[in-house]
Amino acid sequence: MAHYQAKDGSFGFDFAGTYTKVVPHALLEYSFGDRSATVEFLAEAEGVKVRVSFDAETQHSIEQQQQGWQAILNNFAKHVHAQSA
């Protein structure tokens, strides 16, 4: 289980899931509650594109959910760039 929290501490949530399929350097599939997500790692000329597909939930709008997932990917990209520098 992981705990995610805003930097200012204004909100946070616990997240737990189960990997259902792992293809090294290519694909992660996992379930969390009654939902699932897929993370694809796609080789491109300028690097690797990471694409996340997920079952939407009903509490937040699709736009909010997309923004949340994009924020996670942006933080992942910062981490990867820092590690390769």
PDB file of N, CA and C in Angstrom:
ATOM      1  N   MET A   1       0.844  -1.164   0.000  1.00  0.00           N
ATOM      2  CA  MET A   1       0.000   0.000   0.000  1.00  0.00           C
ATOM      3  C   MET A   1       0.893   1.231   0.000  1.00  0.00           C
ATOM      4  N   ALA A   2       0.478   2.236  -0.734  1.00  0.00           N
ATOM      5  CA  ALA A   2       1.190   3.504  -0.791  1.00  0.00           C
ATOM      6  C   ALA A   2       0.252   4.604  -0.309  1.00  0.00           C
ATOM      7  N   HIS A   3       0.835   5.652   0.232  1.00  0.00           N
ATOM      8  CA  HIS A   3       0.052   6.809   0.646  1.00  0.00           C
ATOM      9  C   HIS A   3       0.510   7.996  -0.182  1.00  0.00           C
ATOM     10  N   TYR A   4      -0.429   8.674  -0.811  1.00  0.00           N
ATOM     11  CA  TYR A   4      -0.141   9.865  -1.605  1.00  0.00           C
ATOM     12  C   TYR A   4      -0.710  11.061  -0.883  1.00  0.00           C
ATOM     13  N   GLN A   5       0.061  12.175  -0.901  1.00  0.00           N
ATOM     14  CA  GLN A   5      -0.396  13.368  -0.211  1.00  0.00           C
ATOM     15  C   GLN A   5       0.102  14.597  -0.947  1.00  0.00           C
ATOM     16  N   ALA A   6      -0.733  15.639  -0.989  1.00  0.00           N
ATOM     17  CA  ALA A   6      -0.335  16.908  -1.583  1.00  0.00           C
ATOM     18  C   ALA A   6       0.841  17.477  -0.796  1.00  0.00           C
ATOM     19  N   LYS A   7       1.727  18.190  -1.482  1.00  0.00           N
ATOM     20  CA  LYS A   7       2.896  18.764  -0.812  1.00  0.00           C
ATOM     21  C   LYS A   7       2.504  19.664   0.350  1.00  0.00           C
ATOM     22  N   ASP A   8       1.380  20.373   0.227  1.00  0.00           N
ATOM     23  CA  ASP A   8       0.957  21.261   1.301  1.00  0.00           C
ATOM     24  C   ASP A   8       0.147  20.548   2.378  1.00  0.00           C
ATOM     25  N   GLY A   9      -0.033  19.230   2.221  1.00  0.00           N
ATOM     26  CA  GLY A   9      -0.755  18.446   3.222  1.00  0.00           C
ATOM     27  C   GLY A   9      -2.261  18.633   3.197  1.00  0.00           C
ATOM     28  N   SER A  10      -2.788  19.308   2.172  1.00  0.00           N
ATOM     29  CA  SER A  10      -4.218  19.617   2.134  1.00  0.00           C
ATOM     30  C   SER A  10      -5.090  18.390   1.881  1.00  0.00           C
ATOM     31  N   PHE A  11      -4.550  17.357   1.266  1.00  0.00           N
ATOM     32  CA  PHE A  11      -5.313  16.136   1.048  1.00  0.00           C
ATOM     33  C   PHE A  11      -4.354  14.981   0.816  1.00  0.00           C
ATOM     34  N   GLY A  12      -4.859  13.782   0.985  1.00  0.00           N
ATOM     35  CA  GLY A  12      -4.054  12.590   0.762  1.00  0.00           C
ATOM     36  C   GLY A  12      -4.956  11.380   0.661  1.00  0.00           C
ATOM     37  N   PHE A  13      -4.398  10.271   0.196  1.00  0.00           N
ATOM     38  CA  PHE A  13      -5.169   9.047   0.086  1.00  0.00           C
ATOM     39  C   PHE A  13      -4.233   7.853   0.059  1.00  0.00           C
ATOM     40  N   ASP A  14      -4.762   6.711   0.492  1.00  0.00           N
ATOM     41  CA  ASP A  14      -4.029   5.451   0.426  1.00  0.00           C
ATOM     42  C   ASP A  14      -4.354   4.773  -0.892  1.00  0.00           C
ATOM     43  N   PHE A  15      -3.391   4.052  -1.426  1.00  0.00           N
ATOM     44  CA  PHE A  15      -3.584   3.362  -2.694  1.00  0.00           C
ATOM     45  C   PHE A  15      -2.990   1.973  -2.578  1.00  0.00           C
ATOM     46  N   ALA A  16      -3.796   0.964  -2.890  1.00  0.00           N
ATOM     47  CA  ALA A  16      -3.329  -0.418  -2.885  1.00  0.00           C
ATOM     48  C   ALA A  16      -3.844  -1.099  -4.138  1.00  0.00           C
ATOM     49  N   GLY A  17      -3.027  -1.948  -4.709  1.00  0.00           N
ATOM     50  CA  GLY A  17      -3.427  -2.662  -5.905  1.00  0.00           C
ATOM     51  C   GLY A  17      -2.645  -3.951  -6.052  1.00  0.00           C
ATOM     52  N   THR A  18      -2.999  -4.715  -7.075  1.00  0.00           N
ATOM     53  CA  THR A  18      -2.340  -5.985  -7.358  1.00  0.00           C
ATOM     54  C   THR A  18      -1.935  -6.008  -8.822  1.00  0.00           C
ATOM     55  N   TYR A  19      -0.640  -6.261  -9.073  1.00  0.00           N
ATOM     56  CA  TYR A  19      -0.195  -6.402 -10.456  1.00  0.00           C
ATOM     57  C   TYR A  19      -0.782  -7.689 -11.014  1.00  0.00           C
ATOM     58  N   THR A  20      -1.409  -7.593 -12.179  1.00  0.00           N
ATOM     59  CA  THR A  20      -2.021  -8.754 -12.810  1.00  0.00           C
ATOM     60  C   THR A  20      -1.233  -9.226 -14.026  1.00  0.00           C
ATOM     61  N   LYS A  21      -0.375  -8.358 -14.561  1.00  0.00           N
ATOM     62  CA  LYS A  21       0.471  -8.743 -15.690  1.00  0.00           C
ATOM     63  C   LYS A  21       1.680  -7.817 -15.732  1.00  0.00           C
ATOM     64  N   VAL A  22       2.860  -8.405 -15.893  1.00  0.00           N
ATOM     65  CA  VAL A  22       4.094  -7.635 -15.990  1.00  0.00           C
ATOM     66  C   VAL A  22       4.891  -8.169 -17.171  1.00  0.00           C
ATOM     67  N   VAL A  23       5.163  -7.283 -18.118  1.00  0.00           N
ATOM     68  CA  VAL A  23       6.040  -7.604 -19.242  1.00  0.00           C
ATOM     69  C   VAL A  23       7.208  -6.626 -19.134  1.00  0.00           C
ATOM     70  N   PRO A  24       8.393  -7.085 -18.710  1.00  0.00           N
ATOM     71  CA  PRO A  24       9.514  -6.166 -18.477  1.00  0.00           C
ATOM     72  C   PRO A  24       9.756  -5.225 -19.656  1.00  0.00           C
ATOM     73  N   HIS A  25       9.933  -3.957 -19.326  1.00  0.00           N
ATOM     74  CA  HIS A  25      10.229  -2.896 -20.294  1.00  0.00           C
ATOM     75  C   HIS A  25       9.098  -2.652 -21.283  1.00  0.00           C
ATOM     76  N   ALA A  26       7.903  -3.193 -21.043  1.00  0.00           N
ATOM     77  CA  ALA A  26       6.832  -3.032 -22.019  1.00  0.00           C
ATOM     78  C   ALA A  26       5.465  -2.726 -21.403  1.00  0.00           C
ATOM     79  N   LEU A  27       5.080  -3.432 -20.328  1.00  0.00           N
ATOM     80  CA  LEU A  27       3.698  -3.346 -19.884  1.00  0.00           C
ATOM     81  C   LEU A  27       3.546  -3.677 -18.405  1.00  0.00           C
ATOM     82  N   LEU A  28       2.682  -2.923 -17.738  1.00  0.00           N
ATOM     83  CA  LEU A  28       2.223  -3.240 -16.384  1.00  0.00           C
ATOM     84  C   LEU A  28       0.703  -3.177 -16.402  1.00  0.00           C
ATOM     85  N   GLU A  29       0.075  -4.197 -15.884  1.00  0.00           N
ATOM     86  CA  GLU A  29      -1.370  -4.160 -15.685  1.00  0.00           C
ATOM     87  C   GLU A  29      -1.617  -4.415 -14.210  1.00  0.00           C
ATOM     88  N   TYR A  30      -2.581  -3.678 -13.644  1.00  0.00           N
ATOM     89  CA  TYR A  30      -2.883  -3.902 -12.236  1.00  0.00           C
ATOM     90  C   TYR A  30      -4.340  -3.587 -11.955  1.00  0.00           C
ATOM     91  N   SER A  31      -4.822  -4.183 -10.880  1.00  0.00           N
ATOM     92  CA  SER A  31      -6.188  -3.927 -10.427  1.00  0.00           C
ATOM     93  C   SER A  31      -6.119  -3.254  -9.067  1.00  0.00           C
ATOM     94  N   PHE A  32      -7.091  -2.406  -8.821  1.00  0.00           N
ATOM     95  CA  PHE A  32      -7.200  -1.728  -7.531  1.00  0.00           C
ATOM     96  C   PHE A  32      -8.688  -1.562  -7.252  1.00  0.00           C
ATOM     97  N   GLY A  33      -9.131  -2.273  -6.222  1.00  0.00           N
ATOM     98  CA  GLY A  33     -10.566  -2.332  -5.961  1.00  0.00           C
ATOM     99  C   GLY A  33     -11.252  -3.032  -7.119  1.00  0.00           C
ATOM    100  N   ASP A  34     -12.315  -2.425  -7.634  1.00  0.00           N
ATOM    101  CA  ASP A  34     -13.021  -3.017  -8.777  1.00  0.00           C
ATOM    102  C   ASP A  34     -12.600  -2.373 -10.098  1.00  0.00           C
ATOM    103  N   ARG A  35     -11.493  -1.654 -10.085  1.00  0.00           N
ATOM    104  CA  ARG A  35     -10.996  -0.969 -11.279  1.00  0.00           C
ATOM    105  C   ARG A  35      -9.657  -1.553 -11.697  1.00  0.00           C
ATOM    106  N   SER A  36      -9.231  -1.207 -12.913  1.00  0.00           N
ATOM    107  CA  SER A  36      -7.931  -1.670 -13.387  1.00  0.00           C
ATOM    108  C   SER A  36      -7.264  -0.570 -14.204  1.00  0.00           C
ATOM    109  N   ALA A  37      -5.965  -0.735 -14.419  1.00  0.00           N
ATOM    110  CA  ALA A  37      -5.189   0.219 -15.209  1.00  0.00           C
ATOM    111  C   ALA A  37      -4.103  -0.538 -15.962  1.00  0.00           C
ATOM    112  N   THR A  38      -3.673   0.064 -17.059  1.00  0.00           N
ATOM    113  CA  THR A  38      -2.593  -0.473 -17.879  1.00  0.00           C
ATOM    114  C   THR A  38      -1.577   0.628 -18.100  1.00  0.00           C
ATOM    115  N   VAL A  39      -0.302   0.301 -17.927  1.00  0.00           N
ATOM    116  CA  VAL A  39       0.783   1.237 -18.197  1.00  0.00           C
ATOM    117  C   VAL A  39       1.632   0.619 -19.299  1.00  0.00           C
ATOM    118  N   GLU A  40       1.719   1.322 -20.419  1.00  0.00           N
ATOM    119  CA  GLU A  40       2.504   0.842 -21.547  1.00  0.00           C
ATOM    120  C   GLU A  40       3.764   1.685 -21.677  1.00  0.00           C
ATOM    121  N   PHE A  41       4.872   1.052 -21.969  1.00  0.00           N
ATOM    122  CA  PHE A  41       6.144   1.721 -22.223  1.00  0.00           C
ATOM    123  C   PHE A  41       6.459   1.522 -23.700  1.00  0.00           C
ATOM    124  N   LEU A  42       6.359   2.607 -24.484  1.00  0.00           N
ATOM    125  CA  LEU A  42       6.464   2.537 -25.939  1.00  0.00           C
ATOM    126  C   LEU A  42       7.751   3.211 -26.410  1.00  0.00           C
ATOM    127  N   ALA A  43       8.639   2.443 -27.040  1.00  0.00           N
ATOM    128  CA  ALA A  43       9.901   2.988 -27.545  1.00  0.00           C
ATOM    129  C   ALA A  43       9.622   3.938 -28.701  1.00  0.00           C
ATOM    130  N   GLU A  44      10.244   5.112 -28.641  1.00  0.00           N
ATOM    131  CA  GLU A  44      10.153   6.101 -29.711  1.00  0.00           C
ATOM    132  C   GLU A  44      11.543   6.634 -29.984  1.00  0.00           C
ATOM    133  N   ALA A  45      11.708   7.319 -31.091  1.00  0.00           N
ATOM    134  CA  ALA A  45      13.022   7.834 -31.478  1.00  0.00           C
ATOM    135  C   ALA A  45      13.627   8.738 -30.403  1.00  0.00           C
ATOM    136  N   GLU A  46      12.790   9.556 -29.750  1.00  0.00           N
ATOM    137  CA  GLU A  46      13.307  10.492 -28.751  1.00  0.00           C
ATOM    138  C   GLU A  46      13.296   9.950 -27.333  1.00  0.00           C
ATOM    139  N   GLY A  47      12.920   8.709 -27.152  1.00  0.00           N
ATOM    140  CA  GLY A  47      12.906   8.104 -25.813  1.00  0.00           C
ATOM    141  C   GLY A  47      11.781   7.106 -25.673  1.00  0.00           C
ATOM    142  N   VAL A  48      11.183   7.081 -24.493  1.00  0.00           N
ATOM    143  CA  VAL A  48      10.101   6.138 -24.201  1.00  0.00           C
ATOM    144  C   VAL A  48       8.848   6.925 -23.828  1.00  0.00           C
ATOM    145  N   LYS A  49       7.759   6.617 -24.507  1.00  0.00           N
ATOM    146  CA  LYS A  49       6.474   7.209 -24.160  1.00  0.00           C
ATOM    147  C   LYS A  49       5.812   6.284 -23.146  1.00  0.00           C
ATOM    148  N   VAL A  50       5.272   6.861 -22.080  1.00  0.00           N
ATOM    149  CA  VAL A  50       4.539   6.099 -21.073  1.00  0.00           C
ATOM    150  C   VAL A  50       3.066   6.462 -21.218  1.00  0.00           C
ATOM    151  N   ARG A  51       2.238   5.466 -21.478  1.00  0.00           N
ATOM    152  CA  ARG A  51       0.808   5.691 -21.667  1.00  0.00           C
ATOM    153  C   ARG A  51       0.041   4.915 -20.605  1.00  0.00           C
ATOM    154  N   VAL A  52      -0.823   5.618 -19.887  1.00  0.00           N
ATOM    155  CA  VAL A  52      -1.647   5.003 -18.840  1.00  0.00           C
ATOM    156  C   VAL A  52      -3.102   4.998 -19.302  1.00  0.00           C
ATOM    157  N   SER A  53      -3.713   3.844 -19.251  1.00  0.00           N
ATOM    158  CA  SER A  53      -5.146   3.703 -19.511  1.00  0.00           C
ATOM    159  C   SER A  53      -5.775   3.180 -18.233  1.00  0.00           C
ATOM    160  N   PHE A  54      -6.930   3.717 -17.861  1.00  0.00           N
ATOM    161  CA  PHE A  54      -7.515   3.336 -16.578  1.00  0.00           C
ATOM    162  C   PHE A  54      -9.030   3.330 -16.642  1.00  0.00           C
ATOM    163  N   ASP A  55      -9.634   2.527 -15.770  1.00  0.00           N
ATOM    164  CA  ASP A  55     -11.075   2.554 -15.582  1.00  0.00           C
ATOM    165  C   ASP A  55     -11.396   3.784 -14.743  1.00  0.00           C
ATOM    166  N   ALA A  56     -12.228   4.652 -15.280  1.00  0.00           N
ATOM    167  CA  ALA A  56     -12.583   5.871 -14.557  1.00  0.00           C
ATOM    168  C   ALA A  56     -13.480   5.549 -13.367  1.00  0.00           C
ATOM    169  N   GLU A  57     -13.421   6.418 -12.376  1.00  0.00           N
ATOM    170  CA  GLU A  57     -14.322   6.300 -11.234  1.00  0.00           C
ATOM    171  C   GLU A  57     -15.393   7.373 -11.358  1.00  0.00           C
ATOM    172  N   THR A  58     -16.368   7.371 -10.490  1.00  0.00           N
ATOM    173  CA  THR A  58     -17.507   8.278 -10.633  1.00  0.00           C
ATOM    174  C   THR A  58     -17.482   9.474  -9.695  1.00  0.00           C
ATOM    175  N   GLN A  59     -16.557   9.515  -8.751  1.00  0.00           N
ATOM    176  CA  GLN A  59     -16.533  10.607  -7.770  1.00  0.00           C
ATOM    177  C   GLN A  59     -15.984  11.899  -8.368  1.00  0.00           C
ATOM    178  N   HIS A  60     -15.017  11.796  -9.258  1.00  0.00           N
ATOM    179  CA  HIS A  60     -14.385  12.966  -9.867  1.00  0.00           C
ATOM    180  C   HIS A  60     -14.608  12.956 -11.373  1.00  0.00           C
ATOM    181  N   SER A  61     -14.572  14.136 -11.991  1.00  0.00           N
ATOM    182  CA  SER A  61     -14.780  14.214 -13.437  1.00  0.00           C
ATOM    183  C   SER A  61     -13.617  13.536 -14.170  1.00  0.00           C
ATOM    184  N   ILE A  62     -13.870  13.154 -15.413  1.00  0.00           N
ATOM    185  CA  ILE A  62     -12.825  12.551 -16.240  1.00  0.00           C
ATOM    186  C   ILE A  62     -11.636  13.502 -16.340  1.00  0.00           C
ATOM    187  N   GLU A  63     -11.906  14.799 -16.500  1.00  0.00           N
ATOM    188  CA  GLU A  63     -10.825  15.783 -16.615  1.00  0.00           C
ATOM    189  C   GLU A  63      -9.959  15.799 -15.360  1.00  0.00           C
ATOM    190  N   GLN A  64     -10.574  15.771 -14.183  1.00  0.00           N
ATOM    191  CA  GLN A  64      -9.815  15.745 -12.931  1.00  0.00           C
ATOM    192  C   GLN A  64      -8.970  14.479 -12.844  1.00  0.00           C
ATOM    193  N   GLN A  65      -9.538  13.354 -13.246  1.00  0.00           N
ATOM    194  CA  GLN A  65      -8.795  12.105 -13.194  1.00  0.00           C
ATOM    195  C   GLN A  65      -7.619  12.131 -14.166  1.00  0.00           C
ATOM    196  N   GLN A  66      -7.842  12.642 -15.373  1.00  0.00           N
ATOM    197  CA  GLN A  66      -6.754  12.746 -16.345  1.00  0.00           C
ATOM    198  C   GLN A  66      -5.651  13.659 -15.820  1.00  0.00           C
ATOM    199  N   GLN A  67      -6.028  14.781 -15.208  1.00  0.00           N
ATOM    200  CA  GLN A  67      -5.042  15.703 -14.645  1.00  0.00           C
ATOM    201  C   GLN A  67      -4.249  15.030 -13.534  1.00  0.00           C
ATOM    202  N   GLY A  68      -4.920  14.241 -12.706  1.00  0.00           N
ATOM    203  CA  GLY A  68      -4.233  13.541 -11.622  1.00  0.00           C
ATOM    204  C   GLY A  68      -3.226  12.534 -12.143  1.00  0.00           C
ATOM    205  N   TRP A  69      -3.651  11.712 -13.108  1.00  0.00           N
ATOM    206  CA  TRP A  69      -2.722  10.734 -13.693  1.00  0.00           C
ATOM    207  C   TRP A  69      -1.573  11.452 -14.399  1.00  0.00           C
ATOM    208  N   GLN A  70      -1.865  12.573 -15.108  1.00  0.00           N
ATOM    209  CA  GLN A  70      -0.801  13.306 -15.805  1.00  0.00           C
ATOM    210  C   GLN A  70       0.193  13.882 -14.806  1.00  0.00           C
ATOM    211  N   ALA A  71      -0.286  14.359 -13.668  1.00  0.00           N
ATOM    212  CA  ALA A  71       0.613  14.884 -12.633  1.00  0.00           C
ATOM    213  C   ALA A  71       1.548  13.789 -12.133  1.00  0.00           C
ATOM    214  N   ILE A  72       1.024  12.581 -11.965  1.00  0.00           N
ATOM    215  CA  ILE A  72       1.866  11.447 -11.544  1.00  0.00           C
ATOM    216  C   ILE A  72       2.926  11.171 -12.601  1.00  0.00           C
ATOM    217  N   LEU A  73       2.525  11.157 -13.879  1.00  0.00           N
ATOM    218  CA  LEU A  73       3.488  10.916 -14.961  1.00  0.00           C
ATOM    219  C   LEU A  73       4.527  12.033 -15.042  1.00  0.00           C
ATOM    220  N   ASN A  74       4.109  13.278 -14.831  1.00  0.00           N
ATOM    221  CA  ASN A  74       5.064  14.396 -14.844  1.00  0.00           C
ATOM    222  C   ASN A  74       6.097  14.239 -13.734  1.00  0.00           C
ATOM    223  N   ASN A  75       5.665  13.837 -12.544  1.00  0.00           N
ATOM    224  CA  ASN A  75       6.606  13.612 -11.438  1.00  0.00           C
ATOM    225  C   ASN A  75       7.533  12.445 -11.739  1.00  0.00           C
ATOM    226  N   PHE A  76       7.011  11.403 -12.368  1.00  0.00           N
ATOM    227  CA  PHE A  76       7.840  10.262 -12.773  1.00  0.00           C
ATOM    228  C   PHE A  76       8.904  10.718 -13.769  1.00  0.00           C
ATOM    229  N   ALA A  77       8.518  11.552 -14.743  1.00  0.00           N
ATOM    230  CA  ALA A  77       9.468  12.060 -15.735  1.00  0.00           C
ATOM    231  C   ALA A  77      10.568  12.878 -15.060  1.00  0.00           C
ATOM    232  N   LYS A  78      10.210  13.724 -14.088  1.00  0.00           N
ATOM    233  CA  LYS A  78      11.224  14.495 -13.355  1.00  0.00           C
ATOM    234  C   LYS A  78      12.204  13.575 -12.649  1.00  0.00           C
ATOM    235  N   HIS A  79      11.678  12.522 -12.034  1.00  0.00           N
ATOM    236  CA  HIS A  79      12.520  11.563 -11.321  1.00  0.00           C
ATOM    237  C   HIS A  79      13.488  10.862 -12.297  1.00  0.00           C
ATOM    238  N   VAL A  80      12.959  10.419 -13.427  1.00  0.00           N
ATOM    239  CA  VAL A  80      13.794   9.728 -14.409  1.00  0.00           C
ATOM    240  C   VAL A  80      14.882  10.657 -14.933  1.00  0.00           C
ATOM    241  N   HIS A  81      14.527  11.897 -15.247  1.00  0.00           N
ATOM    242  CA  HIS A  81      15.526  12.838 -15.753  1.00  0.00           C
ATOM    243  C   HIS A  81      16.589  13.137 -14.709  1.00  0.00           C
ATOM    244  N   ALA A  82      16.186  13.230 -13.445  1.00  0.00           N
ATOM    245  CA  ALA A  82      17.157  13.495 -12.376  1.00  0.00           C
ATOM    246  C   ALA A  82      18.117  12.310 -12.212  1.00  0.00           C
ATOM    247  N   GLN A  83      17.611  11.097 -12.357  1.00  0.00           N
ATOM    248  CA  GLN A  83      18.437   9.903 -12.208  1.00  0.00           C
ATOM    249  C   GLN A  83      19.419   9.732 -13.368  1.00  0.00           C
ATOM    250  N   SER A  84      19.038  10.228 -14.556  1.00  0.00           N
ATOM    251  CA  SER A  84      19.905  10.048 -15.726  1.00  0.00           C
ATOM    252  C   SER A  84      20.877  11.192 -15.912  1.00  0.00           C
ATOM    253  N   ALA A  85      20.743  12.241 -15.118  1.00  0.00           N
ATOM    254  CA  ALA A  85      21.623  13.420 -15.254  1.00  0.00           C
ATOM    255  C   ALA A  85      22.979  13.177 -14.582  1.00  0.00           C
TER     256      ALA A  85
END
